[in-house]
């Protein structure tokens, strides 16, 4: 299993803070560090083969998530 660190920016439907509960649980489960409003840093995210597909599939299961932006190093050339 591989691990990766990345920054995550997110937005949920509406202004109801309850819409963020499951996303906040996901962030807590992955020991995310808060980086301001709607942004977090995650270190050592475990994945098997395709980081983007795997983290996207995990986040897409969370209701009310409207937008997710991921900033991570590219495995092939080391660029963000």
PDB file of N, CA and C in Angstrom:
ATOM      1  N   UNK A   1       0.843  -1.178   0.000  1.00  0.00           N
ATOM      2  CA  UNK A   1       0.000   0.000   0.000  1.00  0.00           C
ATOM      3  C   UNK A   1       0.889   1.242   0.000  1.00  0.00           C
ATOM      4  N   UNK A   2       0.471   2.241  -0.765  1.00  0.00           N
ATOM      5  CA  UNK A   2       1.191   3.509  -0.852  1.00  0.00           C
ATOM      6  C   UNK A   2       0.471   4.545   0.004  1.00  0.00           C
ATOM      7  N   UNK A   3       1.155   5.645   0.272  1.00  0.00           N
ATOM      8  CA  UNK A   3       0.514   6.774   0.952  1.00  0.00           C
ATOM      9  C   UNK A   3       0.874   8.062   0.207  1.00  0.00           C
ATOM     10  N   UNK A   4       0.029   9.055   0.380  1.00  0.00           N
ATOM     11  CA  UNK A   4       0.251  10.341  -0.271  1.00  0.00           C
ATOM     12  C   UNK A   4      -0.244  11.450   0.642  1.00  0.00           C
ATOM     13  N   UNK A   5       0.404  12.611   0.568  1.00  0.00           N
ATOM     14  CA  UNK A   5      -0.096  13.785   1.277  1.00  0.00           C
ATOM     15  C   UNK A   5      -0.666  14.750   0.242  1.00  0.00           C
ATOM     16  N   UNK A   6      -1.698  15.496   0.648  1.00  0.00           N
ATOM     17  CA  UNK A   6      -2.345  16.403  -0.285  1.00  0.00           C
ATOM     18  C   UNK A   6      -3.164  17.455   0.453  1.00  0.00           C
ATOM     19  N   UNK A   7      -3.461  18.528  -0.257  1.00  0.00           N
ATOM     20  CA  UNK A   7      -4.353  19.572   0.248  1.00  0.00           C
ATOM     21  C   UNK A   7      -5.710  19.348  -0.388  1.00  0.00           C
ATOM     22  N   UNK A   8      -6.741  19.641   0.370  1.00  0.00           N
ATOM     23  CA  UNK A   8      -8.110  19.435  -0.067  1.00  0.00           C
ATOM     24  C   UNK A   8      -8.904  20.705   0.202  1.00  0.00           C
ATOM     25  N   UNK A   9      -9.614  21.172  -0.805  1.00  0.00           N
ATOM     26  CA  UNK A   9     -10.540  22.283  -0.655  1.00  0.00           C
ATOM     27  C   UNK A   9     -11.926  21.742  -0.982  1.00  0.00           C
ATOM     28  N   UNK A  10     -12.929  22.147  -0.218  1.00  0.00           N
ATOM     29  CA  UNK A  10     -14.249  21.533  -0.384  1.00  0.00           C
ATOM     30  C   UNK A  10     -15.373  22.535  -0.200  1.00  0.00           C
ATOM     31  N   UNK A  11     -16.532  22.179  -0.752  1.00  0.00           N
ATOM     32  CA  UNK A  11     -17.736  22.988  -0.627  1.00  0.00           C
ATOM     33  C   UNK A  11     -18.915  22.030  -0.570  1.00  0.00           C
ATOM     34  N   UNK A  12     -19.860  22.313   0.314  1.00  0.00           N
ATOM     35  CA  UNK A  12     -21.054  21.486   0.447  1.00  0.00           C
ATOM     36  C   UNK A  12     -22.290  22.292   0.064  1.00  0.00           C
ATOM     37  N   UNK A  13     -23.382  21.580  -0.214  1.00  0.00           N
ATOM     38  CA  UNK A  13     -24.649  22.220  -0.565  1.00  0.00           C
ATOM     39  C   UNK A  13     -25.175  23.054   0.587  1.00  0.00           C
ATOM     40  N   UNK A  14     -25.598  24.258   0.292  1.00  0.00           N
ATOM     41  CA  UNK A  14     -26.309  25.091   1.254  1.00  0.00           C
ATOM     42  C   UNK A  14     -25.461  25.593   2.401  1.00  0.00           C
ATOM     43  N   UNK A  15     -26.108  26.344   3.256  1.00  0.00           N
ATOM     44  CA  UNK A  15     -25.416  26.924   4.402  1.00  0.00           C
ATOM     45  C   UNK A  15     -25.669  26.142   5.686  1.00  0.00           C
ATOM     46  N   UNK A  16     -26.441  25.076   5.614  1.00  0.00           N
ATOM     47  CA  UNK A  16     -26.755  24.264   6.787  1.00  0.00           C
ATOM     48  C   UNK A  16     -25.498  23.510   7.225  1.00  0.00           C
ATOM     49  N   UNK A  17     -24.995  23.813   8.391  1.00  0.00           N
ATOM     50  CA  UNK A  17     -23.758  23.180   8.858  1.00  0.00           C
ATOM     51  C   UNK A  17     -23.898  21.674   9.021  1.00  0.00           C
ATOM     52  N   UNK A  18     -25.116  21.163   9.153  1.00  0.00           N
ATOM     53  CA  UNK A  18     -25.317  19.712   9.256  1.00  0.00           C
ATOM     54  C   UNK A  18     -24.879  19.022   7.977  1.00  0.00           C
ATOM     55  N   UNK A  19     -24.884  19.739   6.857  1.00  0.00           N
ATOM     56  CA  UNK A  19     -24.459  19.152   5.589  1.00  0.00           C
ATOM     57  C   UNK A  19     -22.974  18.802   5.592  1.00  0.00           C
ATOM     58  N   UNK A  20     -22.218  19.359   6.520  1.00  0.00           N
ATOM     59  CA  UNK A  20     -20.779  19.108   6.590  1.00  0.00           C
ATOM     60  C   UNK A  20     -20.416  17.968   7.538  1.00  0.00           C
ATOM     61  N   UNK A  21     -21.353  17.475   8.307  1.00  0.00           N
ATOM     62  CA  UNK A  21     -21.036  16.488   9.344  1.00  0.00           C
ATOM     63  C   UNK A  21     -20.298  15.265   8.817  1.00  0.00           C
ATOM     64  N   UNK A  22     -20.775  14.662   7.743  1.00  0.00           N
ATOM     65  CA  UNK A  22     -20.125  13.452   7.230  1.00  0.00           C
ATOM     66  C   UNK A  22     -18.759  13.763   6.620  1.00  0.00           C
ATOM     67  N   UNK A  23     -18.637  14.928   6.004  1.00  0.00           N
ATOM     68  CA  UNK A  23     -17.336  15.330   5.476  1.00  0.00           C
ATOM     69  C   UNK A  23     -16.352  15.546   6.619  1.00  0.00           C
ATOM     70  N   UNK A  24     -16.796  16.211   7.684  1.00  0.00           N
ATOM     71  CA  UNK A  24     -15.922  16.415   8.841  1.00  0.00           C
ATOM     72  C   UNK A  24     -15.525  15.084   9.478  1.00  0.00           C
ATOM     73  N   UNK A  25     -16.425  14.118   9.498  1.00  0.00           N
ATOM     74  CA  UNK A  25     -16.092  12.786  10.022  1.00  0.00           C
ATOM     75  C   UNK A  25     -15.016  12.134   9.149  1.00  0.00           C
ATOM     76  N   UNK A  26     -15.141  12.273   7.817  1.00  0.00           N
ATOM     77  CA  UNK A  26     -14.143  11.725   6.894  1.00  0.00           C
ATOM     78  C   UNK A  26     -12.788  12.386   7.140  1.00  0.00           C
ATOM     79  N   UNK A  27     -12.798  13.706   7.299  1.00  0.00           N
ATOM     80  CA  UNK A  27     -11.548  14.431   7.553  1.00  0.00           C
ATOM     81  C   UNK A  27     -10.915  13.990   8.872  1.00  0.00           C
ATOM     82  N   UNK A  28     -11.728  13.822   9.886  1.00  0.00           N
ATOM     83  CA  UNK A  28     -11.212  13.371  11.183  1.00  0.00           C
ATOM     84  C   UNK A  28     -10.644  11.959  11.085  1.00  0.00           C
ATOM     85  N   UNK A  29     -11.327  11.097  10.360  1.00  0.00           N
ATOM     86  CA  UNK A  29     -10.861   9.717  10.169  1.00  0.00           C
ATOM     87  C   UNK A  29      -9.486   9.687   9.505  1.00  0.00           C
ATOM     88  N   UNK A  30      -9.194  10.688   8.668  1.00  0.00           N
ATOM     89  CA  UNK A  30      -7.927  10.739   7.955  1.00  0.00           C
ATOM     90  C   UNK A  30      -6.941  11.722   8.590  1.00  0.00           C
ATOM     91  N   UNK A  31      -7.200  12.106   9.834  1.00  0.00           N
ATOM     92  CA  UNK A  31      -6.305  12.980  10.599  1.00  0.00           C
ATOM     93  C   UNK A  31      -5.945  14.260   9.845  1.00  0.00           C
ATOM     94  N   UNK A  32      -6.944  14.851   9.236  1.00  0.00           N
ATOM     95  CA  UNK A  32      -6.730  16.081   8.468  1.00  0.00           C
ATOM     96  C   UNK A  32      -6.393  17.242   9.395  1.00  0.00           C
ATOM     97  N   UNK A  33      -5.550  18.117   8.895  1.00  0.00           N
ATOM     98  CA  UNK A  33      -5.209  19.345   9.601  1.00  0.00           C
ATOM     99  C   UNK A  33      -5.961  20.492   8.935  1.00  0.00           C
ATOM    100  N   UNK A  34      -6.700  21.250   9.718  1.00  0.00           N
ATOM    101  CA  UNK A  34      -7.456  22.368   9.181  1.00  0.00           C
ATOM    102  C   UNK A  34      -6.506  23.429   8.631  1.00  0.00           C
ATOM    103  N   UNK A  35      -6.867  23.969   7.460  1.00  0.00           N
ATOM    104  CA  UNK A  35      -6.049  25.005   6.810  1.00  0.00           C
ATOM    105  C   UNK A  35      -6.922  26.191   6.425  1.00  0.00           C
ATOM    106  N   UNK A  36      -7.772  26.636   7.324  1.00  0.00           N
ATOM    107  CA  UNK A  36      -8.686  27.735   7.038  1.00  0.00           C
ATOM    108  C   UNK A  36     -10.065  27.216   6.696  1.00  0.00           C
ATOM    109  N   UNK A  37     -10.921  28.117   6.224  1.00  0.00           N
ATOM    110  CA  UNK A  37     -12.285  27.732   5.874  1.00  0.00           C
ATOM    111  C   UNK A  37     -12.305  26.808   4.660  1.00  0.00           C
ATOM    112  N   UNK A  38     -12.902  25.660   4.820  1.00  0.00           N
ATOM    113  CA  UNK A  38     -13.113  24.706   3.731  1.00  0.00           C
ATOM    114  C   UNK A  38     -11.830  24.212   3.072  1.00  0.00           C
ATOM    115  N   UNK A  39     -10.776  24.080   3.846  1.00  0.00           N
ATOM    116  CA  UNK A  39      -9.516  23.557   3.330  1.00  0.00           C
ATOM    117  C   UNK A  39      -8.839  22.717   4.409  1.00  0.00           C
ATOM    118  N   UNK A  40      -8.129  21.691   3.968  1.00  0.00           N
ATOM    119  CA  UNK A  40      -7.451  20.802   4.913  1.00  0.00           C
ATOM    120  C   UNK A  40      -6.214  20.194   4.255  1.00  0.00           C
ATOM    121  N   UNK A  41      -5.283  19.747   5.093  1.00  0.00           N
ATOM    122  CA  UNK A  41      -4.110  19.005   4.640  1.00  0.00           C
ATOM    123  C   UNK A  41      -4.206  17.598   5.208  1.00  0.00           C
ATOM    124  N   UNK A  42      -3.981  16.612   4.347  1.00  0.00           N
ATOM    125  CA  UNK A  42      -4.024  15.219   4.777  1.00  0.00           C
ATOM    126  C   UNK A  42      -2.676  14.591   4.469  1.00  0.00           C
ATOM    127  N   UNK A  43      -2.086  14.000   5.482  1.00  0.00           N
ATOM    128  CA  UNK A  43      -0.794  13.342   5.350  1.00  0.00           C
ATOM    129  C   UNK A  43      -1.021  11.835   5.441  1.00  0.00           C
ATOM    130  N   UNK A  44      -0.289  11.084   4.659  1.00  0.00           N
ATOM    131  CA  UNK A  44      -0.331   9.618   4.713  1.00  0.00           C
ATOM    132  C   UNK A  44      -1.694   9.018   4.373  1.00  0.00           C
ATOM    133  N   UNK A  45      -2.330   9.507   3.298  1.00  0.00           N
ATOM    134  CA  UNK A  45      -3.584   8.911   2.834  1.00  0.00           C
ATOM    135  C   UNK A  45      -3.244   7.599   2.130  1.00  0.00           C
ATOM    136  N   UNK A  46      -3.805   6.478   2.592  1.00  0.00           N
ATOM    137  CA  UNK A  46      -3.467   5.181   1.990  1.00  0.00           C
ATOM    138  C   UNK A  46      -4.248   4.942   0.690  1.00  0.00           C
ATOM    139  N   UNK A  47      -3.546   4.406  -0.307  1.00  0.00           N
ATOM    140  CA  UNK A  47      -4.200   4.022  -1.560  1.00  0.00           C
ATOM    141  C   UNK A  47      -3.430   2.860  -2.176  1.00  0.00           C
ATOM    142  N   UNK A  48      -4.105   2.153  -3.087  1.00  0.00           N
ATOM    143  CA  UNK A  48      -3.495   0.960  -3.694  1.00  0.00           C
ATOM    144  C   UNK A  48      -2.799   1.285  -5.018  1.00  0.00           C
ATOM    145  N   UNK A  49      -3.560   1.806  -5.988  1.00  0.00           N
ATOM    146  CA  UNK A  49      -3.003   1.989  -7.327  1.00  0.00           C
ATOM    147  C   UNK A  49      -3.155   3.401  -7.886  1.00  0.00           C
ATOM    148  N   UNK A  50      -4.375   3.902  -7.927  1.00  0.00           N
ATOM    149  CA  UNK A  50      -4.664   5.190  -8.554  1.00  0.00           C
ATOM    150  C   UNK A  50      -5.207   6.149  -7.501  1.00  0.00           C
ATOM    151  N   UNK A  51      -4.343   7.017  -7.003  1.00  0.00           N
ATOM    152  CA  UNK A  51      -4.702   7.912  -5.907  1.00  0.00           C
ATOM    153  C   UNK A  51      -5.952   8.728  -6.224  1.00  0.00           C
ATOM    154  N   UNK A  52      -5.972   9.403  -7.373  1.00  0.00           N
ATOM    155  CA  UNK A  52      -7.097  10.283  -7.707  1.00  0.00           C
ATOM    156  C   UNK A  52      -8.404   9.499  -7.758  1.00  0.00           C
ATOM    157  N   UNK A  53      -8.421   8.368  -8.417  1.00  0.00           N
ATOM    158  CA  UNK A  53      -9.652   7.563  -8.485  1.00  0.00           C
ATOM    159  C   UNK A  53     -10.095   7.099  -7.105  1.00  0.00           C
ATOM    160  N   UNK A  54      -9.152   6.678  -6.294  1.00  0.00           N
ATOM    161  CA  UNK A  54      -9.499   6.128  -4.983  1.00  0.00           C
ATOM    162  C   UNK A  54      -9.969   7.200  -4.006  1.00  0.00           C
ATOM    163  N   UNK A  55      -9.285   8.331  -3.945  1.00  0.00           N
ATOM    164  CA  UNK A  55      -9.716   9.382  -3.027  1.00  0.00           C
ATOM    165  C   UNK A  55     -11.027  10.000  -3.529  1.00  0.00           C
ATOM    166  N   UNK A  56     -11.188  10.137  -4.835  1.00  0.00           N
ATOM    167  CA  UNK A  56     -12.433  10.670  -5.393  1.00  0.00           C
ATOM    168  C   UNK A  56     -13.607   9.759  -5.076  1.00  0.00           C
ATOM    169  N   UNK A  57     -13.427   8.461  -5.237  1.00  0.00           N
ATOM    170  CA  UNK A  57     -14.500   7.504  -4.929  1.00  0.00           C
ATOM    171  C   UNK A  57     -14.887   7.583  -3.459  1.00  0.00           C
ATOM    172  N   UNK A  58     -13.907   7.733  -2.590  1.00  0.00           N
ATOM    173  CA  UNK A  58     -14.172   7.835  -1.159  1.00  0.00           C
ATOM    174  C   UNK A  58     -14.963   9.105  -0.838  1.00  0.00           C
ATOM    175  N   UNK A  59     -14.547  10.220  -1.423  1.00  0.00           N
ATOM    176  CA  UNK A  59     -15.210  11.499  -1.158  1.00  0.00           C
ATOM    177  C   UNK A  59     -16.583  11.592  -1.826  1.00  0.00           C
ATOM    178  N   UNK A  60     -16.747  10.951  -2.968  1.00  0.00           N
ATOM    179  CA  UNK A  60     -18.029  10.994  -3.676  1.00  0.00           C
ATOM    180  C   UNK A  60     -19.135  10.247  -2.932  1.00  0.00           C
ATOM    181  N   UNK A  61     -18.788   9.432  -1.966  1.00  0.00           N
ATOM    182  CA  UNK A  61     -19.778   8.719  -1.151  1.00  0.00           C
ATOM    183  C   UNK A  61     -20.418   9.638  -0.108  1.00  0.00           C
ATOM    184  N   UNK A  62     -19.834  10.801   0.117  1.00  0.00           N
ATOM    185  CA  UNK A  62     -20.304  11.711   1.163  1.00  0.00           C
ATOM    186  C   UNK A  62     -21.423  12.586   0.601  1.00  0.00           C
ATOM    187  N   UNK A  63     -22.616  12.545   1.217  1.00  0.00           N
ATOM    188  CA  UNK A  63     -23.716  13.382   0.733  1.00  0.00           C
ATOM    189  C   UNK A  63     -23.417  14.871   0.895  1.00  0.00           C
ATOM    190  N   UNK A  64     -24.013  15.650   0.066  1.00  0.00           N
ATOM    191  CA  UNK A  64     -23.960  17.116   0.113  1.00  0.00           C
ATOM    192  C   UNK A  64     -22.638  17.710  -0.347  1.00  0.00           C
ATOM    193  N   UNK A  65     -21.637  16.906  -0.655  1.00  0.00           N
ATOM    194  CA  UNK A  65     -20.384  17.469  -1.143  1.00  0.00           C
ATOM    195  C   UNK A  65     -20.623  17.975  -2.561  1.00  0.00           C
ATOM    196  N   UNK A  66     -20.406  19.258  -2.737  1.00  0.00           N
ATOM    197  CA  UNK A  66     -20.681  19.884  -4.018  1.00  0.00           C
ATOM    198  C   UNK A  66     -19.435  19.964  -4.891  1.00  0.00           C
ATOM    199  N   UNK A  67     -18.331  20.401  -4.295  1.00  0.00           N
ATOM    200  CA  UNK A  67     -17.063  20.541  -5.018  1.00  0.00           C
ATOM    201  C   UNK A  67     -15.917  20.084  -4.138  1.00  0.00           C
ATOM    202  N   UNK A  68     -14.958  19.428  -4.774  1.00  0.00           N
ATOM    203  CA  UNK A  68     -13.734  19.011  -4.095  1.00  0.00           C
ATOM    204  C   UNK A  68     -12.569  19.346  -5.019  1.00  0.00           C
ATOM    205  N   UNK A  69     -11.562  19.995  -4.470  1.00  0.00           N
ATOM    206  CA  UNK A  69     -10.338  20.271  -5.212  1.00  0.00           C
ATOM    207  C   UNK A  69      -9.188  19.628  -4.459  1.00  0.00           C
ATOM    208  N   UNK A  70      -8.361  18.903  -5.190  1.00  0.00           N
ATOM    209  CA  UNK A  70      -7.232  18.194  -4.592  1.00  0.00           C
ATOM    210  C   UNK A  70      -5.944  18.722  -5.208  1.00  0.00           C
ATOM    211  N   UNK A  71      -4.996  19.043  -4.363  1.00  0.00           N
ATOM    212  CA  UNK A  71      -3.670  19.466  -4.818  1.00  0.00           C
ATOM    213  C   UNK A  71      -2.675  18.463  -4.261  1.00  0.00           C
ATOM    214  N   UNK A  72      -2.074  17.669  -5.167  1.00  0.00           N
ATOM    215  CA  UNK A  72      -1.149  16.617  -4.755  1.00  0.00           C
ATOM    216  C   UNK A  72      -0.021  16.507  -5.759  1.00  0.00           C
ATOM    217  N   UNK A  73       1.090  15.997  -5.303  1.00  0.00           N
ATOM    218  CA  UNK A  73       2.237  15.785  -6.170  1.00  0.00           C
ATOM    219  C   UNK A  73       1.926  14.677  -7.168  1.00  0.00           C
ATOM    220  N   UNK A  74       2.311  14.901  -8.418  1.00  0.00           N
ATOM    221  CA  UNK A  74       2.143  13.910  -9.472  1.00  0.00           C
ATOM    222  C   UNK A  74       3.209  12.826  -9.298  1.00  0.00           C
ATOM    223  N   UNK A  75       2.798  11.573  -9.271  1.00  0.00           N
ATOM    224  CA  UNK A  75       3.740  10.473  -9.067  1.00  0.00           C
ATOM    225  C   UNK A  75       4.730  10.318 -10.209  1.00  0.00           C
ATOM    226  N   UNK A  76       4.365  10.784 -11.410  1.00  0.00           N
ATOM    227  CA  UNK A  76       5.235  10.552 -12.565  1.00  0.00           C
ATOM    228  C   UNK A  76       6.350  11.584 -12.705  1.00  0.00           C
ATOM    229  N   UNK A  77       6.084  12.842 -12.311  1.00  0.00           N
ATOM    230  CA  UNK A  77       7.125  13.845 -12.518  1.00  0.00           C
ATOM    231  C   UNK A  77       7.397  14.745 -11.312  1.00  0.00           C
ATOM    232  N   UNK A  78       6.722  14.509 -10.200  1.00  0.00           N
ATOM    233  CA  UNK A  78       6.999  15.256  -8.989  1.00  0.00           C
ATOM    234  C   UNK A  78       6.408  16.654  -8.944  1.00  0.00           C
ATOM    235  N   UNK A  79       5.629  17.040  -9.962  1.00  0.00           N
ATOM    236  CA  UNK A  79       5.000  18.365  -9.967  1.00  0.00           C
ATOM    237  C   UNK A  79       3.648  18.300  -9.281  1.00  0.00           C
ATOM    238  N   UNK A  80       3.187  19.461  -8.789  1.00  0.00           N
ATOM    239  CA  UNK A  80       1.852  19.579  -8.213  1.00  0.00           C
ATOM    240  C   UNK A  80       0.885  19.949  -9.307  1.00  0.00           C
TER     241      UNK A  80
END
